[in-house]
């Protein structure tokens, strides 16, 4: 017989396909896809080639994706 009260909820995994997609798939697609997309674009963005400017933008976008994945996981765990 378990030592848990009758009203205790069963533990749920915080890892879902949505959190994996937002936390791993979206950052991967942003970095690789954006670099491939902007690789052959001419011009400059604030003095940088567009592919490099995109990688700098991904320095903000990827942690944002990780934060959203963390938030989704915490919301599911609660």
C-alpha atoms as a PDB file:
ATOM      1  CA  UNK A   1       0.000   0.000   0.000  1.00  0.00           C
ATOM      2  CA  UNK A   2       1.494   3.374  -1.001  1.00  0.00           C
ATOM      3  CA  UNK A   3       2.164   6.115   1.562  1.00  0.00           C
ATOM      4  CA  UNK A   4       0.294   8.790  -0.381  1.00  0.00           C
ATOM      5  CA  UNK A   5      -3.063  10.315   0.521  1.00  0.00           C
ATOM      6  CA  UNK A   6      -6.084   9.421  -1.557  1.00  0.00           C
ATOM      7  CA  UNK A   7      -6.298  12.911  -3.071  1.00  0.00           C
ATOM      8  CA  UNK A   8      -2.673  12.974  -4.271  1.00  0.00           C
ATOM      9  CA  UNK A   9      -2.241  13.493  -7.993  1.00  0.00           C
ATOM     10  CA  UNK A  10      -0.104  11.202 -10.081  1.00  0.00           C
ATOM     11  CA  UNK A  11       3.182  12.770 -11.195  1.00  0.00           C
ATOM     12  CA  UNK A  12       3.178  13.847 -14.830  1.00  0.00           C
ATOM     13  CA  UNK A  13       6.185  14.238 -17.029  1.00  0.00           C
ATOM     14  CA  UNK A  14       6.988  17.833 -17.971  1.00  0.00           C
ATOM     15  CA  UNK A  15       8.525  16.644 -21.238  1.00  0.00           C
ATOM     16  CA  UNK A  16       6.001  16.593 -24.054  1.00  0.00           C
ATOM     17  CA  UNK A  17       6.403  16.740 -27.817  1.00  0.00           C
ATOM     18  CA  UNK A  18       5.453  20.436 -27.625  1.00  0.00           C
ATOM     19  CA  UNK A  19       8.160  21.302 -25.087  1.00  0.00           C
ATOM     20  CA  UNK A  20      10.738  19.286 -27.035  1.00  0.00           C
ATOM     21  CA  UNK A  21       9.722  20.975 -30.266  1.00  0.00           C
ATOM     22  CA  UNK A  22       9.880  24.471 -28.794  1.00  0.00           C
ATOM     23  CA  UNK A  23      13.005  23.804 -26.731  1.00  0.00           C
ATOM     24  CA  UNK A  24      15.068  21.832 -29.250  1.00  0.00           C
ATOM     25  CA  UNK A  25      13.454  21.809 -32.692  1.00  0.00           C
ATOM     26  CA  UNK A  26      12.635  25.497 -33.032  1.00  0.00           C
ATOM     27  CA  UNK A  27      16.100  26.776 -32.014  1.00  0.00           C
ATOM     28  CA  UNK A  28      17.724  24.266 -34.370  1.00  0.00           C
ATOM     29  CA  UNK A  29      15.454  25.369 -37.201  1.00  0.00           C
ATOM     30  CA  UNK A  30      16.097  29.040 -36.419  1.00  0.00           C
ATOM     31  CA  UNK A  31      19.873  28.757 -36.459  1.00  0.00           C
ATOM     32  CA  UNK A  32      20.360  26.303 -39.322  1.00  0.00           C
ATOM     33  CA  UNK A  33      17.385  27.386 -41.418  1.00  0.00           C
ATOM     34  CA  UNK A  34      18.113  31.079 -41.068  1.00  0.00           C
ATOM     35  CA  UNK A  35      21.767  30.626 -41.873  1.00  0.00           C
ATOM     36  CA  UNK A  36      20.934  28.616 -44.998  1.00  0.00           C
ATOM     37  CA  UNK A  37      18.283  31.178 -45.983  1.00  0.00           C
ATOM     38  CA  UNK A  38      20.540  34.235 -45.523  1.00  0.00           C
ATOM     39  CA  UNK A  39      23.777  32.624 -46.728  1.00  0.00           C
ATOM     40  CA  UNK A  40      23.557  34.009 -50.258  1.00  0.00           C
ATOM     41  CA  UNK A  41      21.858  37.333 -49.535  1.00  0.00           C
ATOM     42  CA  UNK A  42      23.915  40.381 -50.427  1.00  0.00           C
ATOM     43  CA  UNK A  43      23.934  43.541 -48.389  1.00  0.00           C
ATOM     44  CA  UNK A  44      24.723  44.503 -44.837  1.00  0.00           C
ATOM     45  CA  UNK A  45      22.738  44.645 -41.618  1.00  0.00           C
ATOM     46  CA  UNK A  46      24.344  47.087 -39.174  1.00  0.00           C
ATOM     47  CA  UNK A  47      27.706  46.385 -40.800  1.00  0.00           C
ATOM     48  CA  UNK A  48      27.409  42.600 -40.807  1.00  0.00           C
ATOM     49  CA  UNK A  49      26.437  40.166 -43.552  1.00  0.00           C
ATOM     50  CA  UNK A  50      22.804  39.045 -43.122  1.00  0.00           C
ATOM     51  CA  UNK A  51      23.787  35.494 -42.097  1.00  0.00           C
ATOM     52  CA  UNK A  52      25.983  36.801 -39.263  1.00  0.00           C
ATOM     53  CA  UNK A  53      23.317  39.308 -38.202  1.00  0.00           C
ATOM     54  CA  UNK A  54      20.832  36.415 -38.081  1.00  0.00           C
ATOM     55  CA  UNK A  55      23.166  34.411 -35.843  1.00  0.00           C
ATOM     56  CA  UNK A  56      23.426  37.424 -33.522  1.00  0.00           C
ATOM     57  CA  UNK A  57      19.613  37.621 -33.460  1.00  0.00           C
ATOM     58  CA  UNK A  58      19.506  33.918 -32.585  1.00  0.00           C
ATOM     59  CA  UNK A  59      21.512  34.693 -29.449  1.00  0.00           C
ATOM     60  CA  UNK A  60      18.290  36.271 -28.153  1.00  0.00           C
ATOM     61  CA  UNK A  61      15.772  34.031 -29.914  1.00  0.00           C
ATOM     62  CA  UNK A  62      17.180  30.681 -28.732  1.00  0.00           C
ATOM     63  CA  UNK A  63      17.123  31.534 -24.991  1.00  0.00           C
ATOM     64  CA  UNK A  64      13.605  32.863 -25.570  1.00  0.00           C
ATOM     65  CA  UNK A  65      12.592  29.475 -26.997  1.00  0.00           C
ATOM     66  CA  UNK A  66      14.195  27.729 -24.040  1.00  0.00           C
ATOM     67  CA  UNK A  67      12.313  30.007 -21.650  1.00  0.00           C
ATOM     68  CA  UNK A  68       9.003  29.208 -23.346  1.00  0.00           C
ATOM     69  CA  UNK A  69       9.787  25.472 -23.206  1.00  0.00           C
ATOM     70  CA  UNK A  70      10.622  25.786 -19.502  1.00  0.00           C
ATOM     71  CA  UNK A  71       7.377  27.683 -18.890  1.00  0.00           C
ATOM     72  CA  UNK A  72       5.345  25.048 -20.767  1.00  0.00           C
ATOM     73  CA  UNK A  73       7.015  22.266 -18.780  1.00  0.00           C
ATOM     74  CA  UNK A  74       6.391  23.980 -15.462  1.00  0.00           C
ATOM     75  CA  UNK A  75       2.747  24.645 -16.346  1.00  0.00           C
ATOM     76  CA  UNK A  76       2.275  20.963 -17.169  1.00  0.00           C
ATOM     77  CA  UNK A  77       4.060  19.768 -14.017  1.00  0.00           C
ATOM     78  CA  UNK A  78       1.879  21.914 -11.722  1.00  0.00           C
END
